[in-house]
Amino acid sequence: MGDDKTHALTRDRLLSPYEEAAEEARRAEPRARSASAKKKAQPGEPEPWPI
């Protein structure tokens, strides 16, 4: 039974940085979309023509 508890603790310690990074990416996605929409709405330099 102790092995199950150790396994769970080890798993939590190893996965937590990845889970935190994934959560941060999910939170950042709407901000990135909003920034992209603002950039498209502002007149700026024209898009380059394809060659």
PDB file of N, CA and C in Angstrom:
ATOM      1  N   MET A   1       0.823  -1.192   0.000  1.00  0.00           N
ATOM      2  CA  MET A   1       0.000   0.000   0.000  1.00  0.00           C
ATOM      3  C   MET A   1       0.869   1.259   0.000  1.00  0.00           C
ATOM      4  N   GLY A   2       2.020   1.207   0.603  1.00  0.00           N
ATOM      5  CA  GLY A   2       2.910   2.357   0.632  1.00  0.00           C
ATOM      6  C   GLY A   2       3.417   2.727  -0.744  1.00  0.00           C
ATOM      7  N   ASP A   3       3.576   1.718  -1.612  1.00  0.00           N
ATOM      8  CA  ASP A   3       4.036   1.981  -2.975  1.00  0.00           C
ATOM      9  C   ASP A   3       3.019   2.810  -3.750  1.00  0.00           C
ATOM     10  N   ASP A   4       1.738   2.562  -3.558  1.00  0.00           N
ATOM     11  CA  ASP A   4       0.702   3.337  -4.239  1.00  0.00           C
ATOM     12  C   ASP A   4       0.756   4.807  -3.822  1.00  0.00           C
ATOM     13  N   LYS A   5       0.965   5.031  -2.547  1.00  0.00           N
ATOM     14  CA  LYS A   5       1.034   6.399  -2.042  1.00  0.00           C
ATOM     15  C   LYS A   5       2.287   7.097  -2.581  1.00  0.00           C
ATOM     16  N   THR A   6       3.407   6.392  -2.594  1.00  0.00           N
ATOM     17  CA  THR A   6       4.654   6.944  -3.126  1.00  0.00           C
ATOM     18  C   THR A   6       4.517   7.226  -4.616  1.00  0.00           C
ATOM     19  N   HIS A   7       3.889   6.303  -5.320  1.00  0.00           N
ATOM     20  CA  HIS A   7       3.674   6.481  -6.755  1.00  0.00           C
ATOM     21  C   HIS A   7       2.824   7.726  -7.021  1.00  0.00           C
ATOM     22  N   ALA A   8       1.750   7.891  -6.272  1.00  0.00           N
ATOM     23  CA  ALA A   8       0.873   9.043  -6.454  1.00  0.00           C
ATOM     24  C   ALA A   8       1.607  10.349  -6.148  1.00  0.00           C
ATOM     25  N   LEU A   9       2.390  10.360  -5.086  1.00  0.00           N
ATOM     26  CA  LEU A   9       3.147  11.557  -4.725  1.00  0.00           C
ATOM     27  C   LEU A   9       4.174  11.900  -5.798  1.00  0.00           C
ATOM     28  N   THR A  10       4.888  10.891  -6.275  1.00  0.00           N
ATOM     29  CA  THR A  10       5.885  11.103  -7.330  1.00  0.00           C
ATOM     30  C   THR A  10       5.215  11.605  -8.601  1.00  0.00           C
ATOM     31  N   ARG A  11       4.103  11.006  -8.956  1.00  0.00           N
ATOM     32  CA  ARG A  11       3.371  11.420 -10.154  1.00  0.00           C
ATOM     33  C   ARG A  11       2.941  12.874 -10.036  1.00  0.00           C
ATOM     34  N   ASP A  12       2.388  13.259  -8.896  1.00  0.00           N
ATOM     35  CA  ASP A  12       1.952  14.644  -8.696  1.00  0.00           C
ATOM     36  C   ASP A  12       3.122  15.612  -8.805  1.00  0.00           C
ATOM     37  N   ARG A  13       4.242  15.258  -8.223  1.00  0.00           N
ATOM     38  CA  ARG A  13       5.419  16.146  -8.263  1.00  0.00           C
ATOM     39  C   ARG A  13       5.970  16.287  -9.681  1.00  0.00           C
ATOM     40  N   LEU A  14       5.925  15.214 -10.454  1.00  0.00           N
ATOM     41  CA  LEU A  14       6.454  15.267 -11.809  1.00  0.00           C
ATOM     42  C   LEU A  14       5.501  15.968 -12.775  1.00  0.00           C
ATOM     43  N   LEU A  15       4.211  15.787 -12.583  1.00  0.00           N
ATOM     44  CA  LEU A  15       3.246  16.366 -13.504  1.00  0.00           C
ATOM     45  C   LEU A  15       2.889  17.817 -13.206  1.00  0.00           C
ATOM     46  N   SER A  16       3.050  18.262 -11.997  1.00  0.00           N
ATOM     47  CA  SER A  16       2.589  19.602 -11.643  1.00  0.00           C
ATOM     48  C   SER A  16       3.197  20.709 -12.510  1.00  0.00           C
ATOM     49  N   PRO A  17       4.493  20.695 -12.840  1.00  0.00           N
ATOM     50  CA  PRO A  17       4.994  21.768 -13.708  1.00  0.00           C
ATOM     51  C   PRO A  17       4.327  21.768 -15.084  1.00  0.00           C
ATOM     52  N   TYR A  18       4.066  20.588 -15.627  1.00  0.00           N
ATOM     53  CA  TYR A  18       3.419  20.500 -16.938  1.00  0.00           C
ATOM     54  C   TYR A  18       1.968  20.970 -16.864  1.00  0.00           C
ATOM     55  N   GLU A  19       1.280  20.580 -15.808  1.00  0.00           N
ATOM     56  CA  GLU A  19      -0.111  21.000 -15.649  1.00  0.00           C
ATOM     57  C   GLU A  19      -0.200  22.503 -15.458  1.00  0.00           C
ATOM     58  N   GLU A  20       0.731  23.092 -14.709  1.00  0.00           N
ATOM     59  CA  GLU A  20       0.743  24.541 -14.514  1.00  0.00           C
ATOM     60  C   GLU A  20       1.016  25.268 -15.829  1.00  0.00           C
ATOM     61  N   ALA A  21       1.947  24.751 -16.624  1.00  0.00           N
ATOM     62  CA  ALA A  21       2.256  25.366 -17.916  1.00  0.00           C
ATOM     63  C   ALA A  21       1.052  25.275 -18.859  1.00  0.00           C
ATOM     64  N   ALA A  22       0.363  24.151 -18.852  1.00  0.00           N
ATOM     65  CA  ALA A  22      -0.817  23.992 -19.700  1.00  0.00           C
ATOM     66  C   ALA A  22      -1.918  24.961 -19.277  1.00  0.00           C
ATOM     67  N   GLU A  23      -2.098  25.131 -17.996  1.00  0.00           N
ATOM     68  CA  GLU A  23      -3.112  26.058 -17.493  1.00  0.00           C
ATOM     69  C   GLU A  23      -2.754  27.495 -17.875  1.00  0.00           C
ATOM     70  N   GLU A  24      -1.503  27.853 -17.777  1.00  0.00           N
ATOM     71  CA  GLU A  24      -1.060  29.196 -18.165  1.00  0.00           C
ATOM     72  C   GLU A  24      -1.299  29.419 -19.656  1.00  0.00           C
ATOM     73  N   ALA A  25      -1.038  28.418 -20.465  1.00  0.00           N
ATOM     74  CA  ALA A  25      -1.273  28.532 -21.907  1.00  0.00           C
ATOM     75  C   ALA A  25      -2.761  28.717 -22.190  1.00  0.00           C
ATOM     76  N   ARG A  26      -3.613  28.003 -21.461  1.00  0.00           N
ATOM     77  CA  ARG A  26      -5.059  28.168 -21.646  1.00  0.00           C
ATOM     78  C   ARG A  26      -5.496  29.570 -21.259  1.00  0.00           C
ATOM     79  N   ARG A  27      -4.915  30.123 -20.205  1.00  0.00           N
ATOM     80  CA  ARG A  27      -5.277  31.480 -19.785  1.00  0.00           C
ATOM     81  C   ARG A  27      -4.750  32.522 -20.762  1.00  0.00           C
ATOM     82  N   ALA A  28      -3.600  32.272 -21.368  1.00  0.00           N
ATOM     83  CA  ALA A  28      -2.981  33.242 -22.268  1.00  0.00           C
ATOM     84  C   ALA A  28      -3.651  33.260 -23.644  1.00  0.00           C
ATOM     85  N   GLU A  29      -4.297  32.187 -24.041  1.00  0.00           N
ATOM     86  CA  GLU A  29      -4.879  32.098 -25.378  1.00  0.00           C
ATOM     87  C   GLU A  29      -5.881  33.216 -25.671  1.00  0.00           C
ATOM     88  N   PRO A  30      -6.843  33.493 -24.797  1.00  0.00           N
ATOM     89  CA  PRO A  30      -7.777  34.592 -25.099  1.00  0.00           C
ATOM     90  C   PRO A  30      -7.063  35.950 -25.200  1.00  0.00           C
ATOM     91  N   ARG A  31      -6.046  36.163 -24.394  1.00  0.00           N
ATOM     92  CA  ARG A  31      -5.299  37.431 -24.470  1.00  0.00           C
ATOM     93  C   ARG A  31      -4.591  37.542 -25.812  1.00  0.00           C
ATOM     94  N   ALA A  32      -4.017  36.443 -26.280  1.00  0.00           N
ATOM     95  CA  ALA A  32      -3.316  36.461 -27.563  1.00  0.00           C
ATOM     96  C   ALA A  32      -4.297  36.712 -28.703  1.00  0.00           C
ATOM     97  N   ARG A  33      -5.463  36.093 -28.645  1.00  0.00           N
ATOM     98  CA  ARG A  33      -6.471  36.317 -29.688  1.00  0.00           C
ATOM     99  C   ARG A  33      -6.929  37.770 -29.691  1.00  0.00           C
ATOM    100  N   SER A  34      -7.116  38.334 -28.499  1.00  0.00           N
ATOM    101  CA  SER A  34      -7.545  39.719 -28.392  1.00  0.00           C
ATOM    102  C   SER A  34      -6.490  40.657 -28.970  1.00  0.00           C
ATOM    103  N   ALA A  35      -5.226  40.410 -28.657  1.00  0.00           N
ATOM    104  CA  ALA A  35      -4.145  41.235 -29.177  1.00  0.00           C
ATOM    105  C   ALA A  35      -4.054  41.114 -30.692  1.00  0.00           C
ATOM    106  N   SER A  36      -4.256  39.916 -31.207  1.00  0.00           N
ATOM    107  CA  SER A  36      -4.209  39.701 -32.650  1.00  0.00           C
ATOM    108  C   SER A  36      -5.353  40.444 -33.337  1.00  0.00           C
ATOM    109  N   ALA A  37      -6.535  40.406 -32.743  1.00  0.00           N
ATOM    110  CA  ALA A  37      -7.691  41.099 -33.317  1.00  0.00           C
ATOM    111  C   ALA A  37      -7.463  42.610 -33.318  1.00  0.00           C
ATOM    112  N   LYS A  38      -6.884  43.136 -32.252  1.00  0.00           N
ATOM    113  CA  LYS A  38      -6.592  44.575 -32.194  1.00  0.00           C
ATOM    114  C   LYS A  38      -5.586  44.959 -33.263  1.00  0.00           C
ATOM    115  N   LYS A  39      -4.583  44.122 -33.451  1.00  0.00           N
ATOM    116  CA  LYS A  39      -3.553  44.408 -34.443  1.00  0.00           C
ATOM    117  C   LYS A  39      -4.150  44.426 -35.847  1.00  0.00           C
ATOM    118  N   LYS A  40      -5.052  43.493 -36.135  1.00  0.00           N
ATOM    119  CA  LYS A  40      -5.686  43.437 -37.447  1.00  0.00           C
ATOM    120  C   LYS A  40      -6.609  44.630 -37.661  1.00  0.00           C
ATOM    121  N   ALA A  41      -7.220  45.134 -36.604  1.00  0.00           N
ATOM    122  CA  ALA A  41      -8.160  46.242 -36.713  1.00  0.00           C
ATOM    123  C   ALA A  41      -7.455  47.571 -36.963  1.00  0.00           C
ATOM    124  N   GLN A  42      -6.218  47.691 -36.538  1.00  0.00           N
ATOM    125  CA  GLN A  42      -5.484  48.937 -36.709  1.00  0.00           C
ATOM    126  C   GLN A  42      -4.848  48.984 -38.088  1.00  0.00           C
ATOM    127  N   PRO A  43      -5.029  50.112 -38.783  1.00  0.00           N
ATOM    128  CA  PRO A  43      -4.343  50.214 -40.075  1.00  0.00           C
ATOM    129  C   PRO A  43      -2.843  50.340 -39.837  1.00  0.00           C
ATOM    130  N   GLY A  44      -2.110  49.627 -40.586  1.00  0.00           N
ATOM    131  CA  GLY A  44      -0.664  49.648 -40.432  1.00  0.00           C
ATOM    132  C   GLY A  44      -0.030  49.503 -41.796  1.00  0.00           C
ATOM    133  N   GLU A  45       1.085  48.864 -41.839  1.00  0.00           N
ATOM    134  CA  GLU A  45       1.749  48.628 -43.109  1.00  0.00           C
ATOM    135  C   GLU A  45       0.936  47.619 -43.906  1.00  0.00           C
ATOM    136  N   PRO A  46       0.855  47.813 -45.215  1.00  0.00           N
ATOM    137  CA  PRO A  46       0.104  46.846 -46.017  1.00  0.00           C
ATOM    138  C   PRO A  46       0.800  45.491 -46.031  1.00  0.00           C
ATOM    139  N   GLU A  47       0.002  44.466 -46.203  1.00  0.00           N
ATOM    140  CA  GLU A  47       0.545  43.115 -46.276  1.00  0.00           C
ATOM    141  C   GLU A  47       1.404  43.002 -47.532  1.00  0.00           C
ATOM    142  N   PRO A  48       2.548  42.324 -47.450  1.00  0.00           N
ATOM    143  CA  PRO A  48       3.380  42.177 -48.650  1.00  0.00           C
ATOM    144  C   PRO A  48       2.718  41.240 -49.648  1.00  0.00           C
ATOM    145  N   TRP A  49       2.910  41.527 -50.909  1.00  0.00           N
ATOM    146  CA  TRP A  49       2.375  40.676 -51.962  1.00  0.00           C
ATOM    147  C   TRP A  49       3.199  39.414 -52.070  1.00  0.00           C
ATOM    148  N   PRO A  50       2.560  38.293 -52.342  1.00  0.00           N
ATOM    149  CA  PRO A  50       3.332  37.055 -52.524  1.00  0.00           C
ATOM    150  C   PRO A  50       4.187  37.143 -53.784  1.00  0.00           C
ATOM    151  N   ILE A  51       5.303  36.533 -53.724  1.00  0.00           N
ATOM    152  CA  ILE A  51       6.231  36.567 -54.857  1.00  0.00           C
ATOM    153  C   ILE A  51       6.009  35.367 -55.748  1.00  0.00           C
TER     154      ILE A  51
END
